[in-house]
Amino acid sequence: MRFIPTRIHGMADYLLGALLVLAPWLFGFADGGAEMWVPVVLGAGVVLYSLLTDYELGLVRRIPMRVHLGLDLAGGVVLAASPWVFGFADRVWLPHLIFGLLEIGAALTTRTTPEA
């Protein structure tokens, strides 16, 4: 069931994007490895495609909301699995898993059309 309005999702997009970019420094894993770069790159991507999404908080509004949610879902899966896929689970894994699962949940529960 999709119950999150696109406006709320948009606010969460920019917050999550910023948190992902800052997470390595906030949680102490900014050592230059994959554990740092995966959330930084995905967070920057979230902000970029949010600016381009056709919803209330999009600036250019070129990407359909369904595509945006697909990108969220894919990014969440990559982020959640990244500690094991890229081999850094012995050092840090919880922030990646939590933020990834949150992104997956938001992608699956956000409405696909903005409210009128």
C-alpha atoms as a PDB file:
ATOM      1  CA  MET A   1       0.000   0.000   0.000  1.00  0.00           C
ATOM      2  CA  ARG A   2       1.372   3.385  -1.001  1.00  0.00           C
ATOM      3  CA  PHE A   3       0.565   5.994   1.617  1.00  0.00           C
ATOM      4  CA  ILE A   4       3.523   8.414   1.752  1.00  0.00           C
ATOM      5  CA  PRO A   5       2.710  11.640  -0.150  1.00  0.00           C
ATOM      6  CA  THR A   6       5.270  12.686  -2.742  1.00  0.00           C
ATOM      7  CA  ARG A   7       5.827  16.009  -0.941  1.00  0.00           C
ATOM      8  CA  ILE A   8       6.890  14.177   2.238  1.00  0.00           C
ATOM      9  CA  HIS A   9       9.004  11.801   0.170  1.00  0.00           C
ATOM     10  CA  GLY A  10      10.699  14.805  -1.442  1.00  0.00           C
ATOM     11  CA  MET A  11      11.624  16.278   1.930  1.00  0.00           C
ATOM     12  CA  ALA A  12      12.996  12.899   2.988  1.00  0.00           C
ATOM     13  CA  ASP A  13      14.987  12.661  -0.269  1.00  0.00           C
ATOM     14  CA  TYR A  14      16.999  15.782   0.417  1.00  0.00           C
ATOM     15  CA  LEU A  15      17.498  14.872   4.085  1.00  0.00           C
ATOM     16  CA  LEU A  16      18.571  11.314   3.244  1.00  0.00           C
ATOM     17  CA  GLY A  17      20.855  12.509   0.451  1.00  0.00           C
ATOM     18  CA  ALA A  18      22.629  14.906   2.810  1.00  0.00           C
ATOM     19  CA  LEU A  19      22.838  12.288   5.574  1.00  0.00           C
ATOM     20  CA  LEU A  20      24.330   9.737   3.188  1.00  0.00           C
ATOM     21  CA  VAL A  21      26.977  12.197   2.021  1.00  0.00           C
ATOM     22  CA  LEU A  22      27.831  13.096   5.635  1.00  0.00           C
ATOM     23  CA  ALA A  23      27.447   9.583   7.124  1.00  0.00           C
ATOM     24  CA  PRO A  24      31.122   8.581   6.856  1.00  0.00           C
ATOM     25  CA  TRP A  25      32.137  11.547   8.995  1.00  0.00           C
ATOM     26  CA  LEU A  26      29.131  11.364  11.323  1.00  0.00           C
ATOM     27  CA  PHE A  27      29.631   7.666  12.036  1.00  0.00           C
ATOM     28  CA  GLY A  28      33.436   7.497  11.843  1.00  0.00           C
ATOM     29  CA  PHE A  29      34.194   5.512   8.701  1.00  0.00           C
ATOM     30  CA  ALA A  30      35.636   8.258   6.455  1.00  0.00           C
ATOM     31  CA  ASP A  31      38.820   6.383   5.591  1.00  0.00           C
ATOM     32  CA  GLY A  32      38.590   6.605   1.802  1.00  0.00           C
ATOM     33  CA  GLY A  33      37.472   3.028   1.162  1.00  0.00           C
ATOM     34  CA  ALA A  34      34.288   1.654  -0.355  1.00  0.00           C
ATOM     35  CA  GLU A  35      32.528   1.973   3.004  1.00  0.00           C
ATOM     36  CA  MET A  36      32.931   5.742   2.642  1.00  0.00           C
ATOM     37  CA  TRP A  37      32.378   6.191  -1.096  1.00  0.00           C
ATOM     38  CA  VAL A  38      29.250   4.048  -1.520  1.00  0.00           C
ATOM     39  CA  PRO A  39      27.023   6.274   0.676  1.00  0.00           C
ATOM     40  CA  VAL A  40      28.673   9.486  -0.549  1.00  0.00           C
ATOM     41  CA  VAL A  41      28.062   8.656  -4.224  1.00  0.00           C
ATOM     42  CA  LEU A  42      24.547   7.309  -3.623  1.00  0.00           C
ATOM     43  CA  GLY A  43      23.667  10.343  -1.471  1.00  0.00           C
ATOM     44  CA  ALA A  44      24.866  12.764  -4.139  1.00  0.00           C
ATOM     45  CA  GLY A  45      22.847  10.780  -6.674  1.00  0.00           C
ATOM     46  CA  VAL A  46      19.696  11.016  -4.535  1.00  0.00           C
ATOM     47  CA  VAL A  47      20.031  14.799  -4.364  1.00  0.00           C
ATOM     48  CA  LEU A  48      20.712  15.070  -8.109  1.00  0.00           C
ATOM     49  CA  TYR A  49      17.796  12.950  -9.309  1.00  0.00           C
ATOM     50  CA  SER A  50      15.509  14.538  -6.714  1.00  0.00           C
ATOM     51  CA  LEU A  51      16.235  17.932  -8.246  1.00  0.00           C
ATOM     52  CA  LEU A  52      15.243  16.451 -11.618  1.00  0.00           C
ATOM     53  CA  THR A  53      12.098  14.608 -10.447  1.00  0.00           C
ATOM     54  CA  ASP A  54       8.588  15.629 -11.474  1.00  0.00           C
ATOM     55  CA  TYR A  55       7.205  16.199  -7.977  1.00  0.00           C
ATOM     56  CA  GLU A  56       6.556  19.118  -5.662  1.00  0.00           C
ATOM     57  CA  LEU A  57      10.199  19.561  -4.635  1.00  0.00           C
ATOM     58  CA  GLY A  58      11.781  18.925  -8.026  1.00  0.00           C
ATOM     59  CA  LEU A  59      13.575  21.849  -9.618  1.00  0.00           C
ATOM     60  CA  VAL A  60      13.660  20.780 -13.279  1.00  0.00           C
ATOM     61  CA  ARG A  61      10.942  18.063 -13.208  1.00  0.00           C
ATOM     62  CA  ARG A  62      12.112  15.757 -15.995  1.00  0.00           C
ATOM     63  CA  ILE A  63      12.198  12.353 -14.245  1.00  0.00           C
ATOM     64  CA  PRO A  64       8.812  10.660 -13.686  1.00  0.00           C
ATOM     65  CA  MET A  65       8.020   9.720 -10.096  1.00  0.00           C
ATOM     66  CA  ARG A  66       7.901   6.003 -10.953  1.00  0.00           C
ATOM     67  CA  VAL A  67      11.459   6.205 -12.316  1.00  0.00           C
ATOM     68  CA  HIS A  68      12.548   8.121  -9.215  1.00  0.00           C
ATOM     69  CA  LEU A  69      11.091   5.406  -6.976  1.00  0.00           C
ATOM     70  CA  GLY A  70      12.858   2.754  -9.058  1.00  0.00           C
ATOM     71  CA  LEU A  71      16.149   4.582  -8.534  1.00  0.00           C
ATOM     72  CA  ASP A  72      15.407   4.763  -4.796  1.00  0.00           C
ATOM     73  CA  LEU A  73      14.712   1.031  -4.701  1.00  0.00           C
ATOM     74  CA  ALA A  74      17.882   0.142  -6.620  1.00  0.00           C
ATOM     75  CA  GLY A  75      20.009   2.511  -4.541  1.00  0.00           C
ATOM     76  CA  GLY A  76      18.568   1.122  -1.322  1.00  0.00           C
ATOM     77  CA  VAL A  77      19.381  -2.441  -2.354  1.00  0.00           C
ATOM     78  CA  VAL A  78      22.945  -1.475  -3.313  1.00  0.00           C
ATOM     79  CA  LEU A  79      23.441   0.474  -0.090  1.00  0.00           C
ATOM     80  CA  ALA A  80      22.007  -2.256   2.161  1.00  0.00           C
ATOM     81  CA  ALA A  81      24.056  -5.003   0.488  1.00  0.00           C
ATOM     82  CA  SER A  82      27.258  -2.978   0.021  1.00  0.00           C
ATOM     83  CA  PRO A  83      29.059  -4.059   3.225  1.00  0.00           C
ATOM     84  CA  TRP A  84      28.980  -7.686   2.062  1.00  0.00           C
ATOM     85  CA  VAL A  85      29.293  -7.074  -1.677  1.00  0.00           C
ATOM     86  CA  PHE A  86      32.325  -4.786  -1.295  1.00  0.00           C
ATOM     87  CA  GLY A  87      33.855  -6.648   1.650  1.00  0.00           C
ATOM     88  CA  PHE A  88      33.807  -4.122   4.464  1.00  0.00           C
ATOM     89  CA  ALA A  89      31.183  -5.746   6.723  1.00  0.00           C
ATOM     90  CA  ASP A  90      33.901  -6.592   9.255  1.00  0.00           C
ATOM     91  CA  ARG A  91      34.498  -2.841   9.767  1.00  0.00           C
ATOM     92  CA  VAL A  92      31.094  -1.157   9.363  1.00  0.00           C
ATOM     93  CA  TRP A  93      27.710  -2.334   8.154  1.00  0.00           C
ATOM     94  CA  LEU A  94      24.858  -1.033  10.314  1.00  0.00           C
ATOM     95  CA  PRO A  95      24.514   2.509   8.848  1.00  0.00           C
ATOM     96  CA  HIS A  96      24.549   1.114   5.301  1.00  0.00           C
ATOM     97  CA  LEU A  97      21.944  -1.521   6.118  1.00  0.00           C
ATOM     98  CA  ILE A  98      19.630   0.840   8.033  1.00  0.00           C
ATOM     99  CA  PHE A  99      19.729   3.651   5.460  1.00  0.00           C
ATOM    100  CA  GLY A 100      19.362   1.136   2.626  1.00  0.00           C
ATOM    101  CA  LEU A 101      16.310  -0.491   4.205  1.00  0.00           C
ATOM    102  CA  LEU A 102      14.769   2.931   4.871  1.00  0.00           C
ATOM    103  CA  GLU A 103      15.250   3.846   1.225  1.00  0.00           C
ATOM    104  CA  ILE A 104      13.709   0.551   0.072  1.00  0.00           C
ATOM    105  CA  GLY A 105      10.743   1.068   2.397  1.00  0.00           C
ATOM    106  CA  ALA A 106      10.171   4.603   1.169  1.00  0.00           C
ATOM    107  CA  ALA A 107      10.357   3.481  -2.469  1.00  0.00           C
ATOM    108  CA  LEU A 108       7.725   0.805  -1.892  1.00  0.00           C
ATOM    109  CA  THR A 109       5.303   2.950   0.126  1.00  0.00           C
ATOM    110  CA  THR A 110       5.379   6.340  -1.624  1.00  0.00           C
ATOM    111  CA  ARG A 111       2.532   7.352  -3.914  1.00  0.00           C
ATOM    112  CA  THR A 112       3.429   7.524  -7.581  1.00  0.00           C
ATOM    113  CA  THR A 113       1.638  10.797  -8.357  1.00  0.00           C
ATOM    114  CA  PRO A 114       1.852  14.179  -6.611  1.00  0.00           C
ATOM    115  CA  GLU A 115      -1.260  15.451  -4.854  1.00  0.00           C
ATOM    116  CA  ALA A 116      -3.282  18.112  -6.650  1.00  0.00           C
END
